[in-house]
Amino acid sequence: TPQSVGKTESTMVLGKLSGRHAFVDRLEAMGYSLSQDEIDN
């Protein structure tokens, strides 16, 4: 299955009204660990 190799899509939708906290939480859930400067960028 696509899911067995991690080929999945999040059901959480982000848009222009989404805040920084939701954005960072989603990146962390995706496995990213960014520095503060990288998060700002």
PDB file of all heavy atoms in Angstrom:
ATOM      1  N   THR A   1       0.837  -1.198   0.000  1.00  0.00           N
ATOM      2  CA  THR A   1       0.000   0.000   0.000  1.00  0.00           C
ATOM      3  C   THR A   1       0.874   1.252   0.000  1.00  0.00           C
ATOM      4  O   THR A   1       2.010   1.217   0.498  1.00  0.00           O
ATOM      5  CB  THR A   1      -0.905   0.042   1.243  1.00  0.00           C
ATOM      6  OG1 THR A   1      -0.097   0.209   2.417  1.00  0.00           O
ATOM      7  CG2 THR A   1      -1.721  -1.228   1.361  1.00  0.00           C
ATOM      8  N   PRO A   2       0.370   2.369  -0.526  1.00  0.00           N
ATOM      9  CA  PRO A   2       1.124   3.620  -0.429  1.00  0.00           C
ATOM     10  C   PRO A   2       1.437   3.971   1.023  1.00  0.00           C
ATOM     11  O   PRO A   2       2.529   4.470   1.340  1.00  0.00           O
ATOM     12  CB  PRO A   2       0.188   4.650  -1.060  1.00  0.00           C
ATOM     13  CG  PRO A   2      -0.742   3.872  -1.926  1.00  0.00           C
ATOM     14  CD  PRO A   2      -0.902   2.548  -1.248  1.00  0.00           C
ATOM     15  N   GLN A   3       0.488   3.686   1.921  1.00  0.00           N
ATOM     16  CA  GLN A   3       0.686   4.010   3.333  1.00  0.00           C
ATOM     17  C   GLN A   3       1.834   3.206   3.964  1.00  0.00           C
ATOM     18  O   GLN A   3       2.495   3.680   4.888  1.00  0.00           O
ATOM     19  CB  GLN A   3      -0.603   3.749   4.122  1.00  0.00           C
ATOM     20  CG  GLN A   3      -1.734   4.707   3.794  1.00  0.00           C
ATOM     21  CD  GLN A   3      -2.426   4.374   2.473  1.00  0.00           C
ATOM     22  OE1 GLN A   3      -2.290   3.261   1.949  1.00  0.00           O
ATOM     23  NE2 GLN A   3      -3.176   5.332   1.937  1.00  0.00           N
ATOM     24  N   SER A   4       2.092   2.012   3.442  1.00  0.00           N
ATOM     25  CA  SER A   4       3.145   1.170   4.029  1.00  0.00           C
ATOM     26  C   SER A   4       4.529   1.762   3.844  1.00  0.00           C
ATOM     27  O   SER A   4       5.452   1.438   4.579  1.00  0.00           O
ATOM     28  CB  SER A   4       3.093  -0.240   3.431  1.00  0.00           C
ATOM     29  OG  SER A   4       3.507  -0.237   2.065  1.00  0.00           O
ATOM     30  N   VAL A   5       4.690   2.647   2.851  1.00  0.00           N
ATOM     31  CA  VAL A   5       5.991   3.302   2.648  1.00  0.00           C
ATOM     32  C   VAL A   5       5.934   4.786   3.021  1.00  0.00           C
ATOM     33  O   VAL A   5       6.855   5.546   2.748  1.00  0.00           O
ATOM     34  CB  VAL A   5       6.495   3.132   1.194  1.00  0.00           C
ATOM     35  CG1 VAL A   5       6.711   1.665   0.882  1.00  0.00           C
ATOM     36  CG2 VAL A   5       5.560   3.783   0.189  1.00  0.00           C
ATOM     37  N   GLY A   6       4.810   5.190   3.646  1.00  0.00           N
ATOM     38  CA  GLY A   6       4.710   6.560   4.136  1.00  0.00           C
ATOM     39  C   GLY A   6       4.199   7.559   3.129  1.00  0.00           C
ATOM     40  O   GLY A   6       4.345   8.767   3.318  1.00  0.00           O
ATOM     41  N   LYS A   7       3.595   7.073   2.043  1.00  0.00           N
ATOM     42  CA  LYS A   7       3.086   7.991   1.025  1.00  0.00           C
ATOM     43  C   LYS A   7       1.654   8.367   1.389  1.00  0.00           C
ATOM     44  O   LYS A   7       0.685   7.833   0.840  1.00  0.00           O
ATOM     45  CB  LYS A   7       3.151   7.344  -0.354  1.00  0.00           C
ATOM     46  CG  LYS A   7       3.030   8.341  -1.491  1.00  0.00           C
ATOM     47  CD  LYS A   7       3.341   7.700  -2.822  1.00  0.00           C
ATOM     48  CE  LYS A   7       3.305   8.730  -3.943  1.00  0.00           C
ATOM     49  NZ  LYS A   7       3.595   8.151  -5.253  1.00  0.00           N
ATOM     50  N   THR A   8       1.509   9.264   2.342  1.00  0.00           N
ATOM     51  CA  THR A   8       0.194   9.681   2.822  1.00  0.00           C
ATOM     52  C   THR A   8       0.104  11.198   2.813  1.00  0.00           C
ATOM     53  O   THR A   8       1.106  11.896   2.765  1.00  0.00           O
ATOM     54  CB  THR A   8      -0.053   9.171   4.244  1.00  0.00           C
ATOM     55  OG1 THR A   8       0.996   9.669   5.102  1.00  0.00           O
ATOM     56  CG2 THR A   8      -0.068   7.658   4.302  1.00  0.00           C
ATOM     57  N   GLU A   9      -1.097  11.687   2.889  1.00  0.00           N
ATOM     58  CA  GLU A   9      -1.347  13.139   2.893  1.00  0.00           C
ATOM     59  C   GLU A   9      -2.113  13.511   4.158  1.00  0.00           C
ATOM     60  O   GLU A   9      -3.038  12.812   4.561  1.00  0.00           O
ATOM     61  CB  GLU A   9      -2.164  13.535   1.662  1.00  0.00           C
ATOM     62  CG  GLU A   9      -2.289  15.028   1.447  1.00  0.00           C
ATOM     63  CD  GLU A   9      -0.984  15.662   1.007  1.00  0.00           C
ATOM     64  OE1 GLU A   9      -0.187  14.978   0.350  1.00  0.00           O
ATOM     65  OE2 GLU A   9      -0.770  16.838   1.316  1.00  0.00           O
ATOM     66  N   SER A  10      -1.716  14.581   4.791  1.00  0.00           N
ATOM     67  CA  SER A  10      -2.375  15.018   6.011  1.00  0.00           C
ATOM     68  C   SER A  10      -3.801  15.487   5.723  1.00  0.00           C
ATOM     69  O   SER A  10      -4.079  16.080   4.692  1.00  0.00           O
ATOM     70  CB  SER A  10      -1.584  16.165   6.641  1.00  0.00           C
ATOM     71  OG  SER A  10      -2.316  16.773   7.674  1.00  0.00           O
ATOM     72  N   THR A  11      -4.707  15.244   6.678  1.00  0.00           N
ATOM     73  CA  THR A  11      -6.067  15.764   6.553  1.00  0.00           C
ATOM     74  C   THR A  11      -6.171  17.169   7.130  1.00  0.00           C
ATOM     75  O   THR A  11      -7.179  17.833   6.984  1.00  0.00           O
ATOM     76  CB  THR A  11      -7.063  14.848   7.289  1.00  0.00           C
ATOM     77  OG1 THR A  11      -6.659  14.734   8.665  1.00  0.00           O
ATOM     78  CG2 THR A  11      -7.108  13.475   6.662  1.00  0.00           C
ATOM     79  N   MET A  12      -5.126  17.619   7.824  1.00  0.00           N
ATOM     80  CA  MET A  12      -5.130  18.959   8.408  1.00  0.00           C
ATOM     81  C   MET A  12      -4.780  19.970   7.325  1.00  0.00           C
ATOM     82  O   MET A  12      -3.725  19.891   6.701  1.00  0.00           O
ATOM     83  CB  MET A  12      -4.098  19.025   9.542  1.00  0.00           C
ATOM     84  CG  MET A  12      -3.950  20.398  10.163  1.00  0.00           C
ATOM     85  SD  MET A  12      -2.734  20.347  11.493  1.00  0.00           S
ATOM     86  CE  MET A  12      -2.645  22.082  11.889  1.00  0.00           C
ATOM     87  N   VAL A  13      -5.672  20.920   7.086  1.00  0.00           N
ATOM     88  CA  VAL A  13      -5.472  21.893   6.023  1.00  0.00           C
ATOM     89  C   VAL A  13      -4.993  23.211   6.623  1.00  0.00           C
ATOM     90  O   VAL A  13      -5.591  23.737   7.560  1.00  0.00           O
ATOM     91  CB  VAL A  13      -6.779  22.120   5.234  1.00  0.00           C
ATOM     92  CG1 VAL A  13      -6.572  23.190   4.169  1.00  0.00           C
ATOM     93  CG2 VAL A  13      -7.237  20.813   4.604  1.00  0.00           C
ATOM     94  N   LEU A  14      -3.919  23.729   6.085  1.00  0.00           N
ATOM     95  CA  LEU A  14      -3.400  25.018   6.499  1.00  0.00           C
ATOM     96  C   LEU A  14      -3.690  26.040   5.409  1.00  0.00           C
ATOM     97  O   LEU A  14      -3.624  25.719   4.219  1.00  0.00           O
ATOM     98  CB  LEU A  14      -1.887  24.941   6.749  1.00  0.00           C
ATOM     99  CG  LEU A  14      -1.420  24.050   7.897  1.00  0.00           C
ATOM    100  CD1 LEU A  14       0.101  24.012   7.942  1.00  0.00           C
ATOM    101  CD2 LEU A  14      -1.959  24.544   9.225  1.00  0.00           C
ATOM    102  N   GLY A  15      -3.961  27.275   5.806  1.00  0.00           N
ATOM    103  CA  GLY A  15      -4.215  28.342   4.848  1.00  0.00           C
ATOM    104  C   GLY A  15      -3.695  29.653   5.365  1.00  0.00           C
ATOM    105  O   GLY A  15      -2.974  29.703   6.366  1.00  0.00           O
ATOM    106  N   LYS A  16      -4.095  30.744   4.720  1.00  0.00           N
ATOM    107  CA  LYS A  16      -3.510  32.043   5.056  1.00  0.00           C
ATOM    108  C   LYS A  16      -3.910  32.531   6.448  1.00  0.00           C
ATOM    109  O   LYS A  16      -3.258  33.402   7.018  1.00  0.00           O
ATOM    110  CB  LYS A  16      -3.891  33.078   3.999  1.00  0.00           C
ATOM    111  CG  LYS A  16      -5.373  33.416   3.925  1.00  0.00           C
ATOM    112  CD  LYS A  16      -5.603  34.468   2.840  1.00  0.00           C
ATOM    113  CE  LYS A  16      -7.071  34.862   2.760  1.00  0.00           C
ATOM    114  NZ  LYS A  16      -7.285  35.894   1.709  1.00  0.00           N
ATOM    115  N   LEU A  17      -4.974  31.950   7.025  1.00  0.00           N
ATOM    116  CA  LEU A  17      -5.398  32.353   8.361  1.00  0.00           C
ATOM    117  C   LEU A  17      -4.772  31.487   9.456  1.00  0.00           C
ATOM    118  O   LEU A  17      -4.983  31.740  10.640  1.00  0.00           O
ATOM    119  CB  LEU A  17      -6.931  32.307   8.473  1.00  0.00           C
ATOM    120  CG  LEU A  17      -7.690  33.238   7.510  1.00  0.00           C
ATOM    121  CD1 LEU A  17      -9.186  33.089   7.712  1.00  0.00           C
ATOM    122  CD2 LEU A  17      -7.266  34.690   7.708  1.00  0.00           C
ATOM    123  N   SER A  18      -4.034  30.455   9.055  1.00  0.00           N
ATOM    124  CA  SER A  18      -3.404  29.574  10.041  1.00  0.00           C
ATOM    125  C   SER A  18      -2.283  30.306  10.758  1.00  0.00           C
ATOM    126  O   SER A  18      -1.571  31.131  10.179  1.00  0.00           O
ATOM    127  CB  SER A  18      -2.845  28.323   9.359  1.00  0.00           C
ATOM    128  OG  SER A  18      -3.868  27.594   8.741  1.00  0.00           O
ATOM    129  N   GLY A  19      -2.099  29.977  12.029  1.00  0.00           N
ATOM    130  CA  GLY A  19      -1.088  30.641  12.837  1.00  0.00           C
ATOM    131  C   GLY A  19       0.237  29.915  12.848  1.00  0.00           C
ATOM    132  O   GLY A  19       0.366  28.791  12.351  1.00  0.00           O
ATOM    133  N   ARG A  20       1.204  30.557  13.443  1.00  0.00           N
ATOM    134  CA  ARG A  20       2.557  30.034  13.514  1.00  0.00           C
ATOM    135  C   ARG A  20       2.615  28.714  14.292  1.00  0.00           C
ATOM    136  O   ARG A  20       3.338  27.796  13.922  1.00  0.00           O
ATOM    137  CB  ARG A  20       3.452  31.089  14.189  1.00  0.00           C
ATOM    138  CG  ARG A  20       4.921  30.754  14.232  1.00  0.00           C
ATOM    139  CD  ARG A  20       5.653  31.791  15.084  1.00  0.00           C
ATOM    140  NE  ARG A  20       7.070  31.606  15.046  1.00  0.00           N
ATOM    141  CZ  ARG A  20       7.879  32.161  14.145  1.00  0.00           C
ATOM    142  NH1 ARG A  20       7.389  32.940  13.202  1.00  0.00           N
ATOM    143  NH2 ARG A  20       9.172  31.940  14.163  1.00  0.00           N
ATOM    144  N   HIS A  21       1.803  28.633  15.375  1.00  0.00           N
ATOM    145  CA  HIS A  21       1.839  27.428  16.206  1.00  0.00           C
ATOM    146  C   HIS A  21       1.400  26.198  15.411  1.00  0.00           C
ATOM    147  O   HIS A  21       2.043  25.148  15.459  1.00  0.00           O
ATOM    148  CB  HIS A  21       0.936  27.618  17.429  1.00  0.00           C
ATOM    149  CG  HIS A  21       0.969  26.462  18.387  1.00  0.00           C
ATOM    150  ND1 HIS A  21       2.053  26.206  19.208  1.00  0.00           N
ATOM    151  CD2 HIS A  21       0.056  25.483  18.627  1.00  0.00           C
ATOM    152  CE1 HIS A  21       1.797  25.119  19.930  1.00  0.00           C
ATOM    153  NE2 HIS A  21       0.594  24.664  19.594  1.00  0.00           N
ATOM    154  N   ALA A  22       0.294  26.327  14.676  1.00  0.00           N
ATOM    155  CA  ALA A  22      -0.186  25.205  13.861  1.00  0.00           C
ATOM    156  C   ALA A  22       0.828  24.840  12.785  1.00  0.00           C
ATOM    157  O   ALA A  22       1.033  23.657  12.478  1.00  0.00           O
ATOM    158  CB  ALA A  22      -1.528  25.559  13.225  1.00  0.00           C
ATOM    159  N   PHE A  23       1.461  25.846  12.221  1.00  0.00           N
ATOM    160  CA  PHE A  23       2.476  25.627  11.185  1.00  0.00           C
ATOM    161  C   PHE A  23       3.655  24.824  11.737  1.00  0.00           C
ATOM    162  O   PHE A  23       4.072  23.818  11.156  1.00  0.00           O
ATOM    163  CB  PHE A  23       2.953  26.978  10.653  1.00  0.00           C
ATOM    164  CG  PHE A  23       4.103  26.916   9.694  1.00  0.00           C
ATOM    165  CD1 PHE A  23       3.931  26.481   8.391  1.00  0.00           C
ATOM    166  CD2 PHE A  23       5.377  27.287  10.114  1.00  0.00           C
ATOM    167  CE1 PHE A  23       5.005  26.429   7.512  1.00  0.00           C
ATOM    168  CE2 PHE A  23       6.452  27.233   9.243  1.00  0.00           C
ATOM    169  CZ  PHE A  23       6.262  26.799   7.937  1.00  0.00           C
ATOM    170  N   VAL A  24       4.169  25.251  12.892  1.00  0.00           N
ATOM    171  CA  VAL A  24       5.320  24.561  13.497  1.00  0.00           C
ATOM    172  C   VAL A  24       4.944  23.151  13.929  1.00  0.00           C
ATOM    173  O   VAL A  24       5.709  22.197  13.723  1.00  0.00           O
ATOM    174  CB  VAL A  24       5.869  25.370  14.694  1.00  0.00           C
ATOM    175  CG1 VAL A  24       6.948  24.587  15.439  1.00  0.00           C
ATOM    176  CG2 VAL A  24       6.426  26.712  14.217  1.00  0.00           C
ATOM    177  N   ASP A  25       3.738  22.995  14.515  1.00  0.00           N
ATOM    178  CA  ASP A  25       3.288  21.660  14.925  1.00  0.00           C
ATOM    179  C   ASP A  25       3.236  20.707  13.742  1.00  0.00           C
ATOM    180  O   ASP A  25       3.621  19.534  13.840  1.00  0.00           O
ATOM    181  CB  ASP A  25       1.890  21.740  15.563  1.00  0.00           C
ATOM    182  CG  ASP A  25       1.949  22.185  17.019  1.00  0.00           C
ATOM    183  OD1 ASP A  25       3.079  22.305  17.549  1.00  0.00           O
ATOM    184  OD2 ASP A  25       0.888  22.413  17.604  1.00  0.00           O
ATOM    185  N   ARG A  26       2.748  21.229  12.585  1.00  0.00           N
ATOM    186  CA  ARG A  26       2.644  20.363  11.412  1.00  0.00           C
ATOM    187  C   ARG A  26       4.021  19.962  10.899  1.00  0.00           C
ATOM    188  O   ARG A  26       4.242  18.804  10.529  1.00  0.00           O
ATOM    189  CB  ARG A  26       1.871  21.099  10.306  1.00  0.00           C
ATOM    190  CG  ARG A  26       1.555  20.216   9.119  1.00  0.00           C
ATOM    191  CD  ARG A  26       0.566  19.123   9.496  1.00  0.00           C
ATOM    192  NE  ARG A  26       0.811  17.907   8.745  1.00  0.00           N
ATOM    193  CZ  ARG A  26       0.770  16.696   9.247  1.00  0.00           C
ATOM    194  NH1 ARG A  26       0.488  16.512  10.530  1.00  0.00           N
ATOM    195  NH2 ARG A  26       0.990  15.644   8.507  1.00  0.00           N
ATOM    196  N   LEU A  27       4.968  20.901  10.902  1.00  0.00           N
ATOM    197  CA  LEU A  27       6.329  20.579  10.464  1.00  0.00           C
ATOM    198  C   LEU A  27       6.962  19.526  11.372  1.00  0.00           C
ATOM    199  O   LEU A  27       7.623  18.600  10.903  1.00  0.00           O
ATOM    200  CB  LEU A  27       7.200  21.837  10.441  1.00  0.00           C
ATOM    201  CG  LEU A  27       6.956  22.840   9.314  1.00  0.00           C
ATOM    202  CD1 LEU A  27       7.971  23.968   9.411  1.00  0.00           C
ATOM    203  CD2 LEU A  27       7.046  22.177   7.948  1.00  0.00           C
ATOM    204  N   GLU A  28       6.755  19.681  12.676  1.00  0.00           N
ATOM    205  CA  GLU A  28       7.323  18.711  13.613  1.00  0.00           C
ATOM    206  C   GLU A  28       6.703  17.335  13.415  1.00  0.00           C
ATOM    207  O   GLU A  28       7.397  16.314  13.480  1.00  0.00           O
ATOM    208  CB  GLU A  28       7.123  19.194  15.047  1.00  0.00           C
ATOM    209  CG  GLU A  28       7.995  20.401  15.404  1.00  0.00           C
ATOM    210  CD  GLU A  28       7.742  20.914  16.809  1.00  0.00           C
ATOM    211  OE1 GLU A  28       6.777  20.443  17.458  1.00  0.00           O
ATOM    212  OE2 GLU A  28       8.522  21.785  17.255  1.00  0.00           O
ATOM    213  N   ALA A  29       5.394  17.308  13.159  1.00  0.00           N
ATOM    214  CA  ALA A  29       4.727  16.026  12.903  1.00  0.00           C
ATOM    215  C   ALA A  29       5.255  15.371  11.629  1.00  0.00           C
ATOM    216  O   ALA A  29       5.260  14.144  11.501  1.00  0.00           O
ATOM    217  CB  ALA A  29       3.215  16.236  12.788  1.00  0.00           C
ATOM    218  N   MET A  30       5.724  16.189  10.698  1.00  0.00           N
ATOM    219  CA  MET A  30       6.278  15.675   9.447  1.00  0.00           C
ATOM    220  C   MET A  30       7.741  15.264   9.597  1.00  0.00           C
ATOM    221  O   MET A  30       8.353  14.774   8.659  1.00  0.00           O
ATOM    222  CB  MET A  30       6.148  16.730   8.345  1.00  0.00           C
ATOM    223  CG  MET A  30       4.709  17.000   7.917  1.00  0.00           C
ATOM    224  SD  MET A  30       4.579  18.453   6.835  1.00  0.00           S
ATOM    225  CE  MET A  30       5.509  17.895   5.407  1.00  0.00           C
ATOM    226  N   GLY A  31       8.309  15.514  10.786  1.00  0.00           N
ATOM    227  CA  GLY A  31       9.673  15.064  11.034  1.00  0.00           C
ATOM    228  C   GLY A  31      10.743  16.128  10.892  1.00  0.00           C
ATOM    229  O   GLY A  31      11.934  15.836  10.968  1.00  0.00           O
ATOM    230  N   TYR A  32      10.352  17.394  10.717  1.00  0.00           N
ATOM    231  CA  TYR A  32      11.327  18.470  10.579  1.00  0.00           C
ATOM    232  C   TYR A  32      11.694  19.039  11.944  1.00  0.00           C
ATOM    233  O   TYR A  32      10.835  19.219  12.808  1.00  0.00           O
ATOM    234  CB  TYR A  32      10.792  19.595   9.693  1.00  0.00           C
ATOM    235  CG  TYR A  32      10.784  19.251   8.231  1.00  0.00           C
ATOM    236  CD1 TYR A  32       9.613  18.869   7.585  1.00  0.00           C
ATOM    237  CD2 TYR A  32      11.959  19.277   7.489  1.00  0.00           C
ATOM    238  CE1 TYR A  32       9.604  18.534   6.249  1.00  0.00           C
ATOM    239  CE2 TYR A  32      11.958  18.942   6.151  1.00  0.00           C
ATOM    240  CZ  TYR A  32      10.782  18.578   5.532  1.00  0.00           C
ATOM    241  OH  TYR A  32      10.785  18.240   4.201  1.00  0.00           O
ATOM    242  N   SER A  33      12.964  19.326  12.114  1.00  0.00           N
ATOM    243  CA  SER A  33      13.465  19.970  13.321  1.00  0.00           C
ATOM    244  C   SER A  33      14.285  21.177  12.871  1.00  0.00           C
ATOM    245  O   SER A  33      15.464  21.053  12.524  1.00  0.00           O
ATOM    246  CB  SER A  33      14.324  18.995  14.139  1.00  0.00           C
ATOM    247  OG  SER A  33      14.847  19.635  15.275  1.00  0.00           O
ATOM    248  N   LEU A  34      13.640  22.353  12.862  1.00  0.00           N
ATOM    249  CA  LEU A  34      14.281  23.553  12.328  1.00  0.00           C
ATOM    250  C   LEU A  34      14.691  24.492  13.448  1.00  0.00           C
ATOM    251  O   LEU A  34      14.060  24.540  14.504  1.00  0.00           O
ATOM    252  CB  LEU A  34      13.330  24.279  11.380  1.00  0.00           C
ATOM    253  CG  LEU A  34      12.769  23.493  10.196  1.00  0.00           C
ATOM    254  CD1 LEU A  34      11.865  24.377   9.353  1.00  0.00           C
ATOM    255  CD2 LEU A  34      13.886  22.916   9.336  1.00  0.00           C
ATOM    256  N   SER A  35      15.733  25.256  13.194  1.00  0.00           N
ATOM    257  CA  SER A  35      16.155  26.287  14.136  1.00  0.00           C
ATOM    258  C   SER A  35      15.161  27.444  14.091  1.00  0.00           C
ATOM    259  O   SER A  35      14.294  27.507  13.197  1.00  0.00           O
ATOM    260  CB  SER A  35      17.551  26.796  13.769  1.00  0.00           C
ATOM    261  OG  SER A  35      17.509  27.525  12.557  1.00  0.00           O
ATOM    262  N   GLN A  36      15.280  28.386  15.048  1.00  0.00           N
ATOM    263  CA  GLN A  36      14.367  29.509  15.082  1.00  0.00           C
ATOM    264  C   GLN A  36      14.448  30.332  13.793  1.00  0.00           C
ATOM    265  O   GLN A  36      13.436  30.752  13.237  1.00  0.00           O
ATOM    266  CB  GLN A  36      14.667  30.393  16.292  1.00  0.00           C
ATOM    267  CG  GLN A  36      13.576  31.413  16.595  1.00  0.00           C
ATOM    268  CD  GLN A  36      12.231  30.762  16.872  1.00  0.00           C
ATOM    269  OE1 GLN A  36      12.127  29.844  17.677  1.00  0.00           O
ATOM    270  NE2 GLN A  36      11.192  31.215  16.180  1.00  0.00           N
ATOM    271  N   ASP A  37      15.671  30.578  13.324  1.00  0.00           N
ATOM    272  CA  ASP A  37      15.841  31.343  12.084  1.00  0.00           C
ATOM    273  C   ASP A  37      15.224  30.620  10.894  1.00  0.00           C
ATOM    274  O   ASP A  37      14.603  31.240  10.021  1.00  0.00           O
ATOM    275  CB  ASP A  37      17.334  31.600  11.821  1.00  0.00           C
ATOM    276  CG  ASP A  37      17.912  32.658  12.749  1.00  0.00           C
ATOM    277  OD1 ASP A  37      17.126  33.376  13.390  1.00  0.00           O
ATOM    278  OD2 ASP A  37      19.152  32.740  12.841  1.00  0.00           O
ATOM    279  N   GLU A  38      15.403  29.292  10.862  1.00  0.00           N
ATOM    280  CA  GLU A  38      14.844  28.512   9.760  1.00  0.00           C
ATOM    281  C   GLU A  38      13.314  28.510   9.817  1.00  0.00           C
ATOM    282  O   GLU A  38      12.641  28.569   8.785  1.00  0.00           O
ATOM    283  CB  GLU A  38      15.393  27.085   9.805  1.00  0.00           C
ATOM    284  CG  GLU A  38      16.864  27.004   9.425  1.00  0.00           C
ATOM    285  CD  GLU A  38      17.479  25.646   9.723  1.00  0.00           C
ATOM    286  OE1 GLU A  38      16.961  24.924  10.595  1.00  0.00           O
ATOM    287  OE2 GLU A  38      18.510  25.328   9.097  1.00  0.00           O
ATOM    288  N   ILE A  39      12.751  28.459  11.043  1.00  0.00           N
ATOM    289  CA  ILE A  39      11.289  28.530  11.189  1.00  0.00           C
ATOM    290  C   ILE A  39      10.783  29.884  10.697  1.00  0.00           C
ATOM    291  O   ILE A  39       9.776  29.965   9.984  1.00  0.00           O
ATOM    292  CB  ILE A  39      10.877  28.293  12.657  1.00  0.00           C
ATOM    293  CG1 ILE A  39      11.105  26.819  13.034  1.00  0.00           C
ATOM    294  CG2 ILE A  39       9.410  28.677  12.874  1.00  0.00           C
ATOM    295  CD1 ILE A  39      10.920  26.525  14.508  1.00  0.00           C
ATOM    296  N   ASP A  40      11.478  30.955  11.074  1.00  0.00           N
ATOM    297  CA  ASP A  40      11.084  32.297  10.625  1.00  0.00           C
ATOM    298  C   ASP A  40      11.054  32.367   9.099  1.00  0.00           C
ATOM    299  O   ASP A  40      10.116  32.899   8.490  1.00  0.00           O
ATOM    300  CB  ASP A  40      12.058  33.345  11.169  1.00  0.00           C
ATOM    301  CG  ASP A  40      11.945  33.514  12.681  1.00  0.00           C
ATOM    302  OD1 ASP A  40      10.925  33.079  13.253  1.00  0.00           O
ATOM    303  OD2 ASP A  40      12.894  34.064  13.282  1.00  0.00           O
ATOM    304  N   ASN A  41      12.103  31.819   8.482  1.00  0.00           N
ATOM    305  CA  ASN A  41      12.216  31.820   7.025  1.00  0.00           C
ATOM    306  C   ASN A  41      11.091  30.999   6.400  1.00  0.00           C
ATOM    307  O   ASN A  41      10.394  31.443   5.469  1.00  0.00           O
ATOM    308  CB  ASN A  41      13.583  31.263   6.634  1.00  0.00           C
ATOM    309  CG  ASN A  41      13.896  31.450   5.162  1.00  0.00           C
ATOM    310  OD1 ASN A  41      13.033  31.753   4.360  1.00  0.00           O
ATOM    311  ND2 ASN A  41      15.146  31.246   4.802  1.00  0.00           N
TER     312      ASN A  41
END
